[in-house]
Amino acid sequence: MDFAFSEDQLLLQQTLRQYAKDKLAPNYHRWDRGEVISRALIKEAAELGVFGLRVPEQFGGMMADYVTCGLMAEELSRGDFNYSLYIQLGLIASELLADFAHPEVQAEWLPRHAVGEAVIAFGLTEPGAGSDAANITTRAEKIGDDYIIIGEKASITFAGYADACIVFARTGDAGARGISAFLVPLDAPGVTRQPYFAAGERLTQRGSLFFDEVRVPARNMVGEPGKGFYQAMIAFDFNRAIIALACIGAAQQSIDETIEYTKGREVFGKPLAMFEGVAFQIAEHLTLLESARVLSYKCLWLKDQGRKHTSEAAMVKWFGPKSAAEAIHACMILHGHYGYNMESPLEQRWRDVVGLEIGDGTPEIMKGIVAREAFGREYTSYR
């Protein structure tokens, strides 16, 4: 067993932590106040490798290992949790396009994606199909050499400004086997957007995408007909560990700040940190976060080894955001009224992290996956 990062990974960790502190943290509050991120900042993130992590080298990416992807998500989330969403969605888009897209689509979109010129969203969820994603109703009908897409996608990250979206639509019968994926440019006629005013993650402009007879070439189908749902599930497995590490990064930063605050804040003539009611809370949350961190990196290591990691991914997707949200909540209270003030990053981190308790699989669905892997599919209450 080897729990150590490589020398290159340790150097990357140090570089990213400093970048998060110097460049990202000072801007974090601005997105929460309604500012929109500039394309220049998106391209600056791309120069760090945020978008090209899993883009093949021939298209301008670096094809980093999954552990390194997790490390980047954890460290950047210390400065601005929203940036982890670029990693999450970027990894999924890179994987699906590199593995399954038509060569012409790869050549058109992957180089642009790697350098931050094209933000690519992921369109699976619908108003009536979230956890039960196999029952989506958006449909795609083949007419000549094109597909016509009709439907609505809900709670889509980057809906407000993404350049394209991998849209999952029904091309066949009911259920998972009737779903296909398509790369849809979001400037196509018939596409409209409706960003939400969400509790958190406001940089991402989460929202709905509407497709009113949107025409795309048949070559824009990503993978084979009827295989889209299974492709999405493969991507979800590794991405759930990335999500957990992003949440852990935000929580760890909050813990670090709270340790320094309680060492300097005096009550009853002593630093807060000297009271067991304070120090023991920190000790408990550090233990839980480290447990989630180790399991997350194990999950990504298994992915790097080409080994099954479905159960581990579901475990950390439930446990990581939960532990992070609880840790940040405790930090808010230990800071007193300042922690509840919107000038503090604590409450913003808490709102951002809570969103990932829902996205990419609720706690209930994650526990169901762990149970399914333990008991067998014949003991699953849903299909």
Protein backbone atom coordinates (compact mmCIF):
# COMPACT_ATOMS: atom_id res chain seq x y z
CA MET A 1 0.00 0.00 0.00
CA ASP A 2 1.21 3.48 -0.87
CA PHE A 3 -0.79 6.48 0.30
CA ALA A 4 1.70 9.09 -0.93
CA PHE A 5 1.36 11.45 -3.88
CA SER A 6 4.19 11.49 -6.40
CA GLU A 7 6.71 14.35 -6.37
CA ASP A 8 5.00 15.88 -9.41
CA GLN A 9 1.61 15.67 -7.69
CA LEU A 10 2.99 17.27 -4.52
CA LEU A 11 4.42 20.13 -6.57
CA LEU A 12 1.09 20.54 -8.35
CA GLN A 13 -0.73 20.53 -5.01
CA GLN A 14 1.52 23.30 -3.69
CA THR A 15 1.13 25.37 -6.85
CA LEU A 16 -2.64 25.01 -6.96
CA ARG A 17 -3.07 25.82 -3.27
CA GLN A 18 -1.16 29.07 -3.72
CA TYR A 19 -3.11 29.90 -6.88
CA ALA A 20 -6.39 29.24 -5.08
CA LYS A 21 -5.35 31.52 -2.24
CA ASP A 22 -3.97 34.37 -4.36
CA LYS A 23 -6.18 34.31 -7.46
CA LEU A 24 -9.45 32.53 -6.73
CA ALA A 25 -10.35 33.34 -3.12
CA PRO A 26 -10.41 37.16 -3.62
CA ASN A 27 -13.03 36.78 -6.40
CA TYR A 28 -15.15 34.08 -4.75
CA HIS A 29 -17.77 36.44 -3.31
CA ARG A 30 -18.24 38.30 -6.61
CA TRP A 31 -20.11 35.46 -8.33
CA ASP A 32 -22.48 35.26 -5.38
CA ARG A 33 -23.32 38.94 -5.90
CA GLY A 34 -24.35 38.42 -9.50
CA GLU A 35 -21.16 39.06 -11.47
CA VAL A 36 -20.63 36.90 -14.55
CA ILE A 37 -17.25 35.28 -15.09
CA SER A 38 -15.34 36.59 -18.10
CA ARG A 39 -14.07 34.45 -20.94
CA ALA A 40 -10.58 35.68 -20.07
CA LEU A 41 -10.82 34.08 -16.62
CA ILE A 42 -12.18 30.87 -18.12
CA LYS A 43 -9.20 30.72 -20.49
CA GLU A 44 -6.87 31.43 -17.57
CA ALA A 45 -8.34 28.41 -15.80
CA ALA A 46 -7.77 26.40 -18.96
CA GLU A 47 -4.08 27.35 -18.86
CA LEU A 48 -3.91 25.54 -15.51
CA GLY A 49 -5.25 22.46 -17.27
CA VAL A 50 -8.75 22.61 -15.77
CA PHE A 51 -10.50 21.77 -19.05
CA GLY A 52 -7.84 19.63 -20.73
CA LEU A 53 -7.21 17.18 -17.87
CA ARG A 54 -8.62 14.21 -19.77
CA VAL A 55 -8.50 15.56 -23.32
CA PRO A 56 -6.19 13.39 -25.48
CA GLU A 57 -2.82 14.96 -26.22
CA GLN A 58 -3.45 15.10 -29.97
CA PHE A 59 -6.28 17.54 -29.21
CA GLY A 60 -4.23 19.74 -26.89
CA GLY A 61 -4.94 18.06 -23.56
CA MET A 62 -2.75 16.26 -21.04
CA MET A 63 -4.58 12.97 -20.26
CA ALA A 64 -3.78 13.24 -16.57
CA ASP A 65 -4.47 10.30 -14.27
CA TYR A 66 -7.68 10.42 -12.26
CA VAL A 67 -5.93 10.89 -8.90
CA THR A 68 -4.36 14.07 -10.25
CA CYS A 69 -7.80 15.24 -11.44
CA GLY A 70 -9.11 14.76 -7.91
CA LEU A 71 -6.17 16.62 -6.44
CA MET A 72 -6.87 19.60 -8.70
CA ALA A 73 -10.55 19.65 -7.73
CA GLU A 74 -9.73 19.54 -4.02
CA GLU A 75 -7.14 22.30 -4.12
CA LEU A 76 -8.98 24.75 -6.36
CA SER A 77 -12.11 24.36 -4.23
CA ARG A 78 -10.18 25.82 -1.32
CA GLY A 79 -10.22 29.15 -3.15
CA ASP A 80 -13.43 28.96 -5.19
CA PHE A 81 -15.70 25.93 -5.05
CA ASN A 82 -17.28 26.88 -8.37
CA TYR A 83 -14.08 26.10 -10.25
CA SER A 84 -14.47 22.43 -9.37
CA LEU A 85 -17.58 22.40 -11.56
CA TYR A 86 -15.40 23.24 -14.57
CA ILE A 87 -13.30 20.18 -13.70
CA GLN A 88 -16.30 17.92 -13.14
CA LEU A 89 -18.16 18.84 -16.32
CA GLY A 90 -14.92 19.10 -18.27
CA LEU A 91 -13.91 15.57 -17.35
CA ILE A 92 -17.28 14.14 -18.34
CA ALA A 93 -17.32 15.96 -21.67
CA SER A 94 -13.73 14.97 -22.43
CA GLU A 95 -14.35 11.31 -21.62
CA LEU A 96 -17.55 10.99 -23.61
CA LEU A 97 -16.30 12.85 -26.67
CA ALA A 98 -12.85 11.22 -26.72
CA ASP A 99 -14.25 7.72 -26.26
CA PHE A 100 -17.43 7.81 -28.32
CA ALA A 101 -17.80 10.88 -30.58
CA HIS A 102 -17.40 10.96 -34.37
CA PRO A 103 -13.84 11.98 -35.41
CA GLU A 104 -15.13 15.20 -37.00
CA VAL A 105 -16.91 16.16 -33.77
CA GLN A 106 -13.80 15.36 -31.74
CA ALA A 107 -11.63 17.50 -34.03
CA GLU A 108 -14.08 20.40 -33.86
CA TRP A 109 -14.80 20.48 -30.13
CA LEU A 110 -12.00 18.86 -28.09
CA PRO A 111 -9.24 21.37 -29.01
CA ARG A 112 -11.56 24.28 -28.24
CA HIS A 113 -12.61 22.66 -24.99
CA ALA A 114 -9.02 22.06 -23.88
CA VAL A 115 -8.11 25.76 -24.11
CA GLY A 116 -11.33 27.07 -22.55
CA GLU A 117 -12.87 28.36 -25.76
CA ALA A 118 -15.81 25.95 -25.48
CA VAL A 119 -17.61 25.21 -22.21
CA ILE A 120 -19.56 21.97 -22.62
CA ALA A 121 -22.56 21.20 -20.39
CA PHE A 122 -24.10 17.82 -19.54
CA GLY A 123 -27.82 17.50 -20.22
CA LEU A 124 -29.43 14.45 -18.61
CA THR A 125 -31.79 15.73 -15.86
CA GLU A 126 -35.31 16.84 -16.72
CA PRO A 127 -38.15 18.39 -14.69
CA GLY A 128 -39.75 14.96 -14.29
CA ALA A 129 -36.65 12.76 -14.44
CA GLY A 130 -33.81 13.31 -11.97
CA SER A 131 -33.00 10.26 -9.89
CA ASP A 132 -35.10 8.22 -12.34
CA ALA A 133 -33.02 9.42 -15.28
CA ALA A 134 -33.78 6.38 -17.43
CA ASN A 135 -37.29 7.76 -17.92
CA ILE A 136 -36.37 11.01 -19.69
CA THR A 137 -38.88 12.28 -22.23
CA THR A 138 -36.72 14.54 -24.44
CA ARG A 139 -36.75 12.85 -27.82
CA ALA A 140 -34.65 12.84 -30.97
CA GLU A 141 -36.13 11.81 -34.30
CA LYS A 142 -33.96 10.95 -37.29
CA ILE A 143 -34.94 12.79 -40.45
CA GLY A 144 -32.61 12.22 -43.37
CA ASP A 145 -29.04 12.90 -42.27
CA ASP A 146 -30.09 14.85 -39.18
CA TYR A 147 -31.75 14.38 -35.80
CA ILE A 148 -34.48 16.72 -34.56
CA ILE A 149 -34.41 17.19 -30.78
CA ILE A 150 -37.44 18.28 -28.76
CA GLY A 151 -37.60 18.62 -24.97
CA GLU A 152 -36.37 20.36 -21.82
CA LYS A 153 -33.36 19.76 -19.60
CA ALA A 154 -33.41 21.04 -16.02
CA SER A 155 -30.80 22.03 -13.43
CA ILE A 156 -28.03 22.06 -16.02
CA THR A 157 -24.68 23.42 -14.86
CA PHE A 158 -23.46 26.28 -17.13
CA ALA A 159 -26.85 26.49 -18.82
CA GLY A 160 -26.51 30.27 -18.89
CA TYR A 161 -23.36 30.42 -21.01
CA ALA A 162 -22.19 26.98 -22.16
CA ASP A 163 -21.24 26.74 -25.82
CA ALA A 164 -22.50 23.19 -26.28
CA CYS A 165 -24.23 20.46 -24.34
CA ILE A 166 -24.15 16.68 -24.43
CA VAL A 167 -27.90 16.10 -24.55
CA PHE A 168 -29.50 12.77 -23.73
CA ALA A 169 -32.65 12.07 -25.71
CA ARG A 170 -34.94 9.16 -26.40
CA THR A 171 -34.36 7.54 -29.79
CA GLY A 172 -35.98 4.20 -29.00
CA ASP A 173 -38.29 2.41 -26.60
CA ALA A 174 -38.89 3.28 -22.95
CA GLY A 175 -36.14 2.74 -20.41
CA ALA A 176 -32.37 3.06 -20.46
CA ARG A 177 -31.88 1.15 -23.71
CA GLY A 178 -33.80 3.76 -25.69
CA ILE A 179 -31.55 6.72 -24.81
CA SER A 180 -28.85 8.20 -27.03
CA ALA A 181 -26.47 11.12 -26.52
CA PHE A 182 -25.87 14.09 -28.85
CA LEU A 183 -23.40 16.97 -28.91
CA VAL A 184 -25.64 20.01 -29.44
CA PRO A 185 -24.20 23.51 -30.10
CA LEU A 186 -26.22 25.88 -27.93
CA ASP A 187 -26.26 28.63 -30.55
CA ALA A 188 -28.35 26.35 -32.80
CA PRO A 189 -31.80 27.62 -33.86
CA GLY A 190 -34.48 26.43 -31.45
CA VAL A 191 -32.32 26.47 -28.28
CA THR A 192 -33.35 28.77 -25.44
CA ARG A 193 -31.98 29.13 -21.90
CA GLN A 194 -33.40 30.00 -18.50
CA PRO A 195 -30.81 30.45 -15.73
CA TYR A 196 -32.00 29.95 -12.14
CA PHE A 197 -31.32 32.09 -9.09
CA ALA A 198 -30.00 29.18 -7.05
CA ALA A 199 -28.95 29.10 -3.40
CA GLY A 200 -25.35 28.47 -4.37
CA GLU A 201 -22.88 27.77 -7.21
CA ARG A 202 -24.03 30.98 -8.89
CA LEU A 203 -20.96 31.34 -11.09
CA THR A 204 -22.17 28.29 -13.01
CA GLN A 205 -25.55 29.83 -14.00
CA ARG A 206 -27.38 26.57 -13.46
CA GLY A 207 -30.66 26.51 -15.32
CA SER A 208 -32.95 24.95 -17.92
CA LEU A 209 -32.29 24.35 -21.59
CA PHE A 210 -35.18 24.13 -24.04
CA PHE A 211 -34.92 22.37 -27.40
CA ASP A 212 -37.63 23.29 -29.89
CA GLU A 213 -37.03 21.13 -32.96
CA VAL A 214 -33.28 21.63 -32.80
CA ARG A 215 -31.55 20.08 -35.79
CA VAL A 216 -28.11 18.44 -35.45
CA PRO A 217 -26.19 16.27 -37.94
CA ALA A 218 -26.37 12.51 -37.34
CA ARG A 219 -22.60 12.51 -36.79
CA ASN A 220 -23.23 14.52 -33.60
CA MET A 221 -24.59 11.41 -31.92
CA VAL A 222 -22.08 10.51 -29.20
CA GLY A 223 -21.65 6.75 -29.29
CA GLU A 224 -24.05 4.16 -30.64
CA PRO A 225 -27.84 4.52 -30.67
CA GLY A 226 -29.34 3.42 -27.35
CA LYS A 227 -26.02 3.49 -25.48
CA GLY A 228 -26.18 7.02 -24.09
CA PHE A 229 -27.48 6.17 -20.63
CA TYR A 230 -24.77 3.59 -20.00
CA GLN A 231 -22.08 6.01 -21.15
CA ALA A 232 -23.40 8.56 -18.66
CA MET A 233 -23.30 6.05 -15.80
CA ILE A 234 -19.63 5.22 -16.51
CA ALA A 235 -18.77 8.91 -16.28
CA PHE A 236 -20.80 9.33 -13.09
CA ASP A 237 -18.74 6.72 -11.26
CA PHE A 238 -15.40 8.54 -11.34
CA ASN A 239 -17.00 11.99 -11.20
CA ARG A 240 -18.64 11.22 -7.87
CA ALA A 241 -15.21 10.99 -6.28
CA ILE A 242 -14.23 14.30 -7.90
CA ILE A 243 -17.35 15.88 -6.38
CA ALA A 244 -16.50 14.51 -2.94
CA LEU A 245 -12.96 15.92 -3.09
CA ALA A 246 -14.21 19.32 -4.21
CA CYS A 247 -16.52 19.45 -1.20
CA ILE A 248 -13.72 18.26 1.08
CA GLY A 249 -11.41 20.99 -0.22
CA ALA A 250 -13.94 23.71 0.65
CA ALA A 251 -14.51 22.16 4.09
CA GLN A 252 -10.81 21.74 4.81
CA GLN A 253 -10.18 25.40 4.03
CA SER A 254 -13.02 26.31 6.39
CA ILE A 255 -11.52 24.13 9.14
CA ASP A 256 -8.07 25.66 8.64
CA GLU A 257 -9.51 29.17 8.93
CA THR A 258 -11.51 28.20 12.00
CA ILE A 259 -8.46 26.77 13.74
CA GLU A 260 -6.63 30.07 13.30
CA TYR A 261 -9.69 32.06 14.36
CA THR A 262 -10.27 30.06 17.56
CA LYS A 263 -6.59 30.31 18.49
CA GLY A 264 -6.82 34.09 18.38
CA ARG A 265 -10.36 34.72 19.67
CA GLU A 266 -10.48 34.97 23.46
CA VAL A 267 -13.48 34.32 25.72
CA PHE A 268 -13.45 34.17 29.52
CA GLY A 269 -9.78 35.08 29.42
CA LYS A 270 -8.68 32.12 27.24
CA PRO A 271 -8.48 31.33 23.50
CA LEU A 272 -11.56 29.55 22.18
CA ALA A 273 -9.32 26.70 21.01
CA MET A 274 -8.57 25.76 24.64
CA PHE A 275 -12.19 24.78 25.28
CA GLU A 276 -12.87 21.10 24.59
CA GLY A 277 -16.34 21.94 23.28
CA VAL A 278 -14.58 23.77 20.45
CA ALA A 279 -11.43 21.71 19.93
CA PHE A 280 -13.25 18.36 19.97
CA GLN A 281 -15.63 19.54 17.25
CA ILE A 282 -12.67 20.35 15.04
CA ALA A 283 -11.08 16.98 15.83
CA GLU A 284 -14.26 15.11 14.88
CA HIS A 285 -14.68 16.93 11.58
CA LEU A 286 -11.02 16.51 10.66
CA THR A 287 -11.41 12.76 11.19
CA LEU A 288 -14.54 12.52 9.07
CA LEU A 289 -13.07 14.64 6.27
CA GLU A 290 -9.87 12.59 6.20
CA SER A 291 -11.91 9.37 6.02
CA ALA A 292 -13.87 10.72 3.04
CA ARG A 293 -10.67 12.01 1.42
CA VAL A 294 -8.86 8.67 1.61
CA LEU A 295 -11.86 6.76 0.22
CA SER A 296 -12.19 9.31 -2.60
CA TYR A 297 -8.59 8.91 -3.68
CA LYS A 298 -8.91 5.13 -3.40
CA CYS A 299 -11.89 5.32 -5.77
CA LEU A 300 -9.87 7.33 -8.30
CA TRP A 301 -6.88 5.01 -7.89
CA LEU A 302 -9.17 2.08 -8.71
CA LYS A 303 -10.32 3.94 -11.82
CA ASP A 304 -6.69 4.52 -12.83
CA GLN A 305 -6.09 0.78 -12.41
CA GLY A 306 -9.08 -0.08 -14.59
CA ARG A 307 -10.81 -1.75 -11.65
CA LYS A 308 -14.44 -1.65 -10.56
CA HIS A 309 -15.23 1.32 -8.31
CA THR A 310 -19.01 1.76 -8.44
CA SER A 311 -19.58 1.11 -4.74
CA GLU A 312 -16.70 3.34 -3.61
CA ALA A 313 -17.93 6.14 -5.87
CA ALA A 314 -21.42 5.99 -4.40
CA MET A 315 -20.05 5.86 -0.86
CA VAL A 316 -18.00 9.03 -1.25
CA LYS A 317 -20.70 10.87 -3.21
CA TRP A 318 -22.95 10.44 -0.17
CA PHE A 319 -20.35 10.73 2.59
CA GLY A 320 -18.09 13.45 1.16
CA PRO A 321 -20.61 16.27 0.61
CA LYS A 322 -22.44 15.34 3.83
CA SER A 323 -19.27 15.49 5.92
CA ALA A 324 -18.18 18.71 4.22
CA ALA A 325 -21.53 20.46 4.73
CA GLU A 326 -21.59 19.49 8.39
CA ALA A 327 -17.99 20.65 8.91
CA ILE A 328 -18.61 24.04 7.29
CA HIS A 329 -21.81 24.47 9.28
CA ALA A 330 -19.86 23.87 12.49
CA CYS A 331 -17.25 26.41 11.39
CA MET A 332 -19.96 29.00 10.79
CA ILE A 333 -21.25 28.57 14.34
CA LEU A 334 -17.77 28.64 15.87
CA HIS A 335 -17.21 32.00 14.14
CA GLY A 336 -20.36 33.37 15.75
CA HIS A 337 -22.20 36.16 13.94
CA TYR A 338 -19.25 36.71 11.61
CA GLY A 339 -19.71 33.18 10.26
CA TYR A 340 -23.33 34.01 9.42
CA ASN A 341 -22.35 37.26 7.70
CA MET A 342 -22.35 37.25 3.91
CA GLU A 343 -18.96 38.95 3.97
CA SER A 344 -17.58 35.65 5.29
CA PRO A 345 -16.81 32.90 2.76
CA LEU A 346 -18.12 30.25 5.17
CA GLU A 347 -21.82 30.62 4.47
CA GLN A 348 -21.18 30.80 0.72
CA ARG A 349 -19.12 27.59 0.84
CA TRP A 350 -21.89 25.91 2.82
CA ARG A 351 -24.53 26.86 0.22
CA ASP A 352 -22.27 25.74 -2.62
CA VAL A 353 -21.47 22.37 -1.07
CA VAL A 354 -25.09 21.56 -0.19
CA GLY A 355 -25.94 21.70 -3.90
CA LEU A 356 -23.62 18.74 -4.50
CA GLU A 357 -25.47 16.66 -1.93
CA ILE A 358 -28.17 16.68 -4.64
CA GLY A 359 -26.40 16.91 -8.01
CA ASP A 360 -25.14 13.74 -9.70
CA GLY A 361 -27.12 11.54 -7.34
CA THR A 362 -28.94 12.20 -4.07
CA PRO A 363 -27.86 10.52 -0.79
CA GLU A 364 -30.78 8.11 -1.08
CA ILE A 365 -29.76 6.99 -4.56
CA MET A 366 -26.13 6.60 -3.47
CA LYS A 367 -27.10 4.39 -0.53
CA GLY A 368 -29.28 2.38 -2.90
CA ILE A 369 -26.27 1.78 -5.17
CA VAL A 370 -24.09 0.67 -2.27
CA ALA A 371 -26.85 -1.69 -1.11
CA ARG A 372 -27.33 -3.03 -4.65
CA GLU A 373 -23.61 -3.77 -4.94
CA ALA A 374 -23.66 -5.53 -1.57
CA PHE A 375 -26.89 -7.54 -1.86
CA GLY A 376 -27.15 -8.01 -5.62
CA ARG A 377 -29.46 -6.51 -8.22
CA GLU A 378 -32.24 -9.02 -7.48
CA TYR A 379 -32.70 -7.32 -4.10
CA THR A 380 -33.03 -3.81 -5.54
CA SER A 381 -36.42 -2.16 -5.10
CA TYR A 382 -36.10 -0.24 -8.37
CA ARG A 383 -34.71 -0.96 -11.82
